Amino acid sequence: MAFQLKENRKETENKTIRFPVNLIERIEKALENKNVTFSSFVIQACEYALENMYSPQDEQ
């Protein structure tokens, strides 16, 4: 399944995370002219990664 951007989320909690500068620049460029915040993109990317992450149980 392809990664698709969605708008808005509800309940949140602050976490501090460090990103490489070049990754921030790439994300910001990808979000230009889209109605999606940096935080929303990161949340969605993490959810996508978790849903599509390899698990040894998948082979059974």
PDB file of N, CA and C in Angstrom:
ATOM      1  N   MET A   1       0.856  -1.179   0.000  1.00  0.00           N
ATOM      2  CA  MET A   1       0.000   0.000   0.000  1.00  0.00           C
ATOM      3  C   MET A   1       0.901   1.242   0.000  1.00  0.00           C
ATOM      4  N   ALA A   2       0.568   2.220  -0.798  1.00  0.00           N
ATOM      5  CA  ALA A   2       1.347   3.452  -0.883  1.00  0.00           C
ATOM      6  C   ALA A   2       1.021   4.373   0.294  1.00  0.00           C
ATOM      7  N   PHE A   3       2.010   5.144   0.689  1.00  0.00           N
ATOM      8  CA  PHE A   3       1.836   6.112   1.772  1.00  0.00           C
ATOM      9  C   PHE A   3       0.983   7.268   1.272  1.00  0.00           C
ATOM     10  N   GLN A   4      -0.095   7.592   1.967  1.00  0.00           N
ATOM     11  CA  GLN A   4      -0.981   8.684   1.582  1.00  0.00           C
ATOM     12  C   GLN A   4      -1.117   9.662   2.727  1.00  0.00           C
ATOM     13  N   LEU A   5      -0.997  10.956   2.426  1.00  0.00           N
ATOM     14  CA  LEU A   5      -1.120  11.987   3.454  1.00  0.00           C
ATOM     15  C   LEU A   5      -2.577  12.211   3.826  1.00  0.00           C
ATOM     16  N   LYS A   6      -2.831  12.363   5.133  1.00  0.00           N
ATOM     17  CA  LYS A   6      -4.162  12.680   5.644  1.00  0.00           C
ATOM     18  C   LYS A   6      -4.065  13.992   6.405  1.00  0.00           C
ATOM     19  N   GLU A   7      -5.196  14.616   6.644  1.00  0.00           N
ATOM     20  CA  GLU A   7      -5.210  15.859   7.411  1.00  0.00           C
ATOM     21  C   GLU A   7      -5.644  15.594   8.847  1.00  0.00           C
ATOM     22  N   ASN A   8      -5.101  16.397   9.765  1.00  0.00           N
ATOM     23  CA  ASN A   8      -5.527  16.480  11.173  1.00  0.00           C
ATOM     24  C   ASN A   8      -5.491  15.205  12.008  1.00  0.00           C
ATOM     25  N   ARG A   9      -5.147  15.393  13.241  1.00  0.00           N
ATOM     26  CA  ARG A   9      -5.143  14.374  14.286  1.00  0.00           C
ATOM     27  C   ARG A   9      -5.735  15.004  15.533  1.00  0.00           C
ATOM     28  N   LYS A  10      -6.052  14.207  16.537  1.00  0.00           N
ATOM     29  CA  LYS A  10      -6.642  14.752  17.757  1.00  0.00           C
ATOM     30  C   LYS A  10      -5.676  14.707  18.926  1.00  0.00           C
ATOM     31  N   GLU A  11      -5.932  13.869  19.921  1.00  0.00           N
ATOM     32  CA  GLU A  11      -5.161  13.837  21.169  1.00  0.00           C
ATOM     33  C   GLU A  11      -3.668  13.629  20.894  1.00  0.00           C
ATOM     34  N   THR A  12      -2.845  14.501  21.491  1.00  0.00           N
ATOM     35  CA  THR A  12      -1.402  14.408  21.264  1.00  0.00           C
ATOM     36  C   THR A  12      -0.627  14.618  22.551  1.00  0.00           C
ATOM     37  N   GLU A  13       0.645  14.292  22.494  1.00  0.00           N
ATOM     38  CA  GLU A  13       1.581  14.527  23.596  1.00  0.00           C
ATOM     39  C   GLU A  13       2.898  14.981  22.968  1.00  0.00           C
ATOM     40  N   ASN A  14       3.574  15.914  23.602  1.00  0.00           N
ATOM     41  CA  ASN A  14       4.847  16.409  23.071  1.00  0.00           C
ATOM     42  C   ASN A  14       5.973  15.423  23.332  1.00  0.00           C
ATOM     43  N   LYS A  15       6.807  15.217  22.317  1.00  0.00           N
ATOM     44  CA  LYS A  15       8.038  14.433  22.417  1.00  0.00           C
ATOM     45  C   LYS A  15       9.103  15.208  21.663  1.00  0.00           C
ATOM     46  N   THR A  16      10.308  15.191  22.164  1.00  0.00           N
ATOM     47  CA  THR A  16      11.409  15.857  21.480  1.00  0.00           C
ATOM     48  C   THR A  16      12.195  14.806  20.709  1.00  0.00           C
ATOM     49  N   ILE A  17      12.446  15.090  19.443  1.00  0.00           N
ATOM     50  CA  ILE A  17      13.183  14.161  18.591  1.00  0.00           C
ATOM     51  C   ILE A  17      14.118  14.958  17.700  1.00  0.00           C
ATOM     52  N   ARG A  18      15.278  14.438  17.460  1.00  0.00           N
ATOM     53  CA  ARG A  18      16.253  15.124  16.607  1.00  0.00           C
ATOM     54  C   ARG A  18      16.237  14.486  15.220  1.00  0.00           C
ATOM     55  N   PHE A  19      16.204  15.334  14.208  1.00  0.00           N
ATOM     56  CA  PHE A  19      16.239  14.895  12.815  1.00  0.00           C
ATOM     57  C   PHE A  19      17.500  15.416  12.149  1.00  0.00           C
ATOM     58  N   PRO A  20      18.081  14.653  11.240  1.00  0.00           N
ATOM     59  CA  PRO A  20      19.173  15.208  10.439  1.00  0.00           C
ATOM     60  C   PRO A  20      18.641  16.387   9.622  1.00  0.00           C
ATOM     61  N   VAL A  21      19.434  17.435   9.500  1.00  0.00           N
ATOM     62  CA  VAL A  21      18.994  18.646   8.801  1.00  0.00           C
ATOM     63  C   VAL A  21      18.540  18.327   7.382  1.00  0.00           C
ATOM     64  N   ASN A  22      19.288  17.469   6.679  1.00  0.00           N
ATOM     65  CA  ASN A  22      18.912  17.180   5.297  1.00  0.00           C
ATOM     66  C   ASN A  22      17.564  16.460   5.212  1.00  0.00           C
ATOM     67  N   LEU A  23      17.215  15.655   6.223  1.00  0.00           N
ATOM     68  CA  LEU A  23      15.915  14.991   6.234  1.00  0.00           C
ATOM     69  C   LEU A  23      14.802  16.006   6.467  1.00  0.00           C
ATOM     70  N   ILE A  24      15.021  16.946   7.360  1.00  0.00           N
ATOM     71  CA  ILE A  24      14.033  18.016   7.588  1.00  0.00           C
ATOM     72  C   ILE A  24      13.785  18.775   6.297  1.00  0.00           C
ATOM     73  N   GLU A  25      14.860  19.119   5.602  1.00  0.00           N
ATOM     74  CA  GLU A  25      14.728  19.855   4.343  1.00  0.00           C
ATOM     75  C   GLU A  25      13.947  19.059   3.309  1.00  0.00           C
ATOM     76  N   ARG A  26      14.216  17.763   3.219  1.00  0.00           N
ATOM     77  CA  ARG A  26      13.495  16.917   2.251  1.00  0.00           C
ATOM     78  C   ARG A  26      12.008  16.818   2.593  1.00  0.00           C
ATOM     79  N   ILE A  27      11.698  16.665   3.881  1.00  0.00           N
ATOM     80  CA  ILE A  27      10.293  16.584   4.297  1.00  0.00           C
ATOM     81  C   ILE A  27       9.583  17.905   4.018  1.00  0.00           C
ATOM     82  N   GLU A  28      10.197  19.011   4.408  1.00  0.00           N
ATOM     83  CA  GLU A  28       9.573  20.317   4.182  1.00  0.00           C
ATOM     84  C   GLU A  28       9.331  20.571   2.694  1.00  0.00           C
ATOM     85  N   LYS A  29      10.268  20.167   1.858  1.00  0.00           N
ATOM     86  CA  LYS A  29      10.097  20.332   0.413  1.00  0.00           C
ATOM     87  C   LYS A  29       8.927  19.481  -0.089  1.00  0.00           C
ATOM     88  N   ALA A  30       8.817  18.254   0.405  1.00  0.00           N
ATOM     89  CA  ALA A  30       7.734  17.365   0.000  1.00  0.00           C
ATOM     90  C   ALA A  30       6.366  17.880   0.443  1.00  0.00           C
ATOM     91  N   LEU A  31       6.333  18.670   1.521  1.00  0.00           N
ATOM     92  CA  LEU A  31       5.060  19.163   2.058  1.00  0.00           C
ATOM     93  C   LEU A  31       4.640  20.520   1.495  1.00  0.00           C
ATOM     94  N   GLU A  32       5.503  21.125   0.669  1.00  0.00           N
ATOM     95  CA  GLU A  32       5.154  22.426   0.087  1.00  0.00           C
ATOM     96  C   GLU A  32       3.827  22.315  -0.669  1.00  0.00           C
ATOM     97  N   ASN A  33       2.975  23.311  -0.467  1.00  0.00           N
ATOM     98  CA  ASN A  33       1.674  23.393  -1.148  1.00  0.00           C
ATOM     99  C   ASN A  33       0.735  22.238  -0.794  1.00  0.00           C
ATOM    100  N   LYS A  34       0.974  21.600   0.341  1.00  0.00           N
ATOM    101  CA  LYS A  34       0.072  20.552   0.833  1.00  0.00           C
ATOM    102  C   LYS A  34      -0.472  21.025   2.177  1.00  0.00           C
ATOM    103  N   ASN A  35      -1.652  20.615   2.499  1.00  0.00           N
ATOM    104  CA  ASN A  35      -2.289  21.032   3.745  1.00  0.00           C
ATOM    105  C   ASN A  35      -1.956  20.044   4.864  1.00  0.00           C
ATOM    106  N   VAL A  36      -0.655  19.802   5.071  1.00  0.00           N
ATOM    107  CA  VAL A  36      -0.193  18.846   6.070  1.00  0.00           C
ATOM    108  C   VAL A  36       0.979  19.462   6.827  1.00  0.00           C
ATOM    109  N   THR A  37       0.940  19.400   8.150  1.00  0.00           N
ATOM    110  CA  THR A  37       2.034  19.943   8.947  1.00  0.00           C
ATOM    111  C   THR A  37       3.170  18.932   9.023  1.00  0.00           C
ATOM    112  N   PHE A  38       4.329  19.411   9.429  1.00  0.00           N
ATOM    113  CA  PHE A  38       5.496  18.548   9.621  1.00  0.00           C
ATOM    114  C   PHE A  38       5.156  17.448  10.635  1.00  0.00           C
ATOM    115  N   SER A  39       4.556  17.842  11.743  1.00  0.00           N
ATOM    116  CA  SER A  39       4.207  16.868  12.793  1.00  0.00           C
ATOM    117  C   SER A  39       3.236  15.815  12.278  1.00  0.00           C
ATOM    118  N   SER A  40       2.237  16.243  11.535  1.00  0.00           N
ATOM    119  CA  SER A  40       1.269  15.306  10.985  1.00  0.00           C
ATOM    120  C   SER A  40       1.944  14.319  10.045  1.00  0.00           C
ATOM    121  N   PHE A  41       2.866  14.810   9.224  1.00  0.00           N
ATOM    122  CA  PHE A  41       3.600  13.932   8.317  1.00  0.00           C
ATOM    123  C   PHE A  41       4.391  12.886   9.097  1.00  0.00           C
ATOM    124  N   VAL A  42       5.099  13.319  10.135  1.00  0.00           N
ATOM    125  CA  VAL A  42       5.917  12.390  10.923  1.00  0.00           C
ATOM    126  C   VAL A  42       5.036  11.335  11.589  1.00  0.00           C
ATOM    127  N   ILE A  43       3.907  11.733  12.145  1.00  0.00           N
ATOM    128  CA  ILE A  43       2.983  10.792  12.776  1.00  0.00           C
ATOM    129  C   ILE A  43       2.506   9.761  11.760  1.00  0.00           C
ATOM    130  N   GLN A  44       2.087  10.248  10.589  1.00  0.00           N
ATOM    131  CA  GLN A  44       1.592   9.342   9.557  1.00  0.00           C
ATOM    132  C   GLN A  44       2.685   8.416   9.039  1.00  0.00           C
ATOM    133  N   ALA A  45       3.896   8.930   8.899  1.00  0.00           N
ATOM    134  CA  ALA A  45       5.010   8.102   8.442  1.00  0.00           C
ATOM    135  C   ALA A  45       5.320   7.012   9.461  1.00  0.00           C
ATOM    136  N   CYS A  46       5.269   7.349  10.748  1.00  0.00           N
ATOM    137  CA  CYS A  46       5.507   6.351  11.798  1.00  0.00           C
ATOM    138  C   CYS A  46       4.413   5.290  11.798  1.00  0.00           C
ATOM    139  N   GLU A  47       3.162   5.702  11.667  1.00  0.00           N
ATOM    140  CA  GLU A  47       2.056   4.746  11.618  1.00  0.00           C
ATOM    141  C   GLU A  47       2.210   3.816  10.423  1.00  0.00           C
ATOM    142  N   TYR A  48       2.556   4.367   9.280  1.00  0.00           N
ATOM    143  CA  TYR A  48       2.761   3.571   8.072  1.00  0.00           C
ATOM    144  C   TYR A  48       3.890   2.564   8.292  1.00  0.00           C
ATOM    145  N   ALA A  49       4.990   3.019   8.874  1.00  0.00           N
ATOM    146  CA  ALA A  49       6.130   2.132   9.128  1.00  0.00           C
ATOM    147  C   ALA A  49       5.729   0.993  10.060  1.00  0.00           C
ATOM    148  N   LEU A  50       4.999   1.307  11.120  1.00  0.00           N
ATOM    149  CA  LEU A  50       4.583   0.277  12.070  1.00  0.00           C
ATOM    150  C   LEU A  50       3.639  -0.742  11.426  1.00  0.00           C
ATOM    151  N   GLU A  51       2.723  -0.264  10.594  1.00  0.00           N
ATOM    152  CA  GLU A  51       1.761  -1.154   9.939  1.00  0.00           C
ATOM    153  C   GLU A  51       2.418  -2.028   8.881  1.00  0.00           C
ATOM    154  N   ASN A  52       3.547  -1.588   8.339  1.00  0.00           N
ATOM    155  CA  ASN A  52       4.189  -2.308   7.245  1.00  0.00           C
ATOM    156  C   ASN A  52       5.557  -2.869   7.623  1.00  0.00           C
ATOM    157  N   MET A  53       5.840  -2.899   8.905  1.00  0.00           N
ATOM    158  CA  MET A  53       7.122  -3.367   9.388  1.00  0.00           C
ATOM    159  C   MET A  53       7.186  -4.894   9.316  1.00  0.00           C
ATOM    160  N   TYR A  54       8.336  -5.394   8.945  1.00  0.00           N
ATOM    161  CA  TYR A  54       8.560  -6.836   8.866  1.00  0.00           C
ATOM    162  C   TYR A  54       8.463  -7.459  10.254  1.00  0.00           C
ATOM    163  N   SER A  55       7.817  -8.584  10.313  1.00  0.00           N
ATOM    164  CA  SER A  55       7.722  -9.331  11.559  1.00  0.00           C
ATOM    165  C   SER A  55       8.012 -10.794  11.253  1.00  0.00           C
ATOM    166  N   PRO A  56       8.850 -11.481  12.061  1.00  0.00           N
ATOM    167  CA  PRO A  56       9.104 -12.909  11.828  1.00  0.00           C
ATOM    168  C   PRO A  56       7.827 -13.743  11.817  1.00  0.00           C
ATOM    169  N   GLN A  57       6.788 -13.289  12.509  1.00  0.00           N
ATOM    170  CA  GLN A  57       5.515 -14.006  12.542  1.00  0.00           C
ATOM    171  C   GLN A  57       4.858 -14.014  11.163  1.00  0.00           C
ATOM    172  N   ASP A  58       5.212 -13.042  10.293  1.00  0.00           N
ATOM    173  CA  ASP A  58       4.639 -12.970   8.954  1.00  0.00           C
ATOM    174  C   ASP A  58       5.018 -14.168   8.110  1.00  0.00           C
ATOM    175  N   GLU A  59       6.137 -14.832   8.435  1.00  0.00           N
ATOM    176  CA  GLU A  59       6.615 -15.957   7.642  1.00  0.00           C
ATOM    177  C   GLU A  59       5.956 -17.268   8.037  1.00  0.00           C
ATOM    178  N   GLN A  60       5.270 -17.306   9.156  1.00  0.00           N
ATOM    179  CA  GLN A  60       4.661 -18.556   9.634  1.00  0.00           C
ATOM    180  C   GLN A  60       3.321 -18.786   9.009  1.00  0.00           C
TER     181      GLN A  60
END
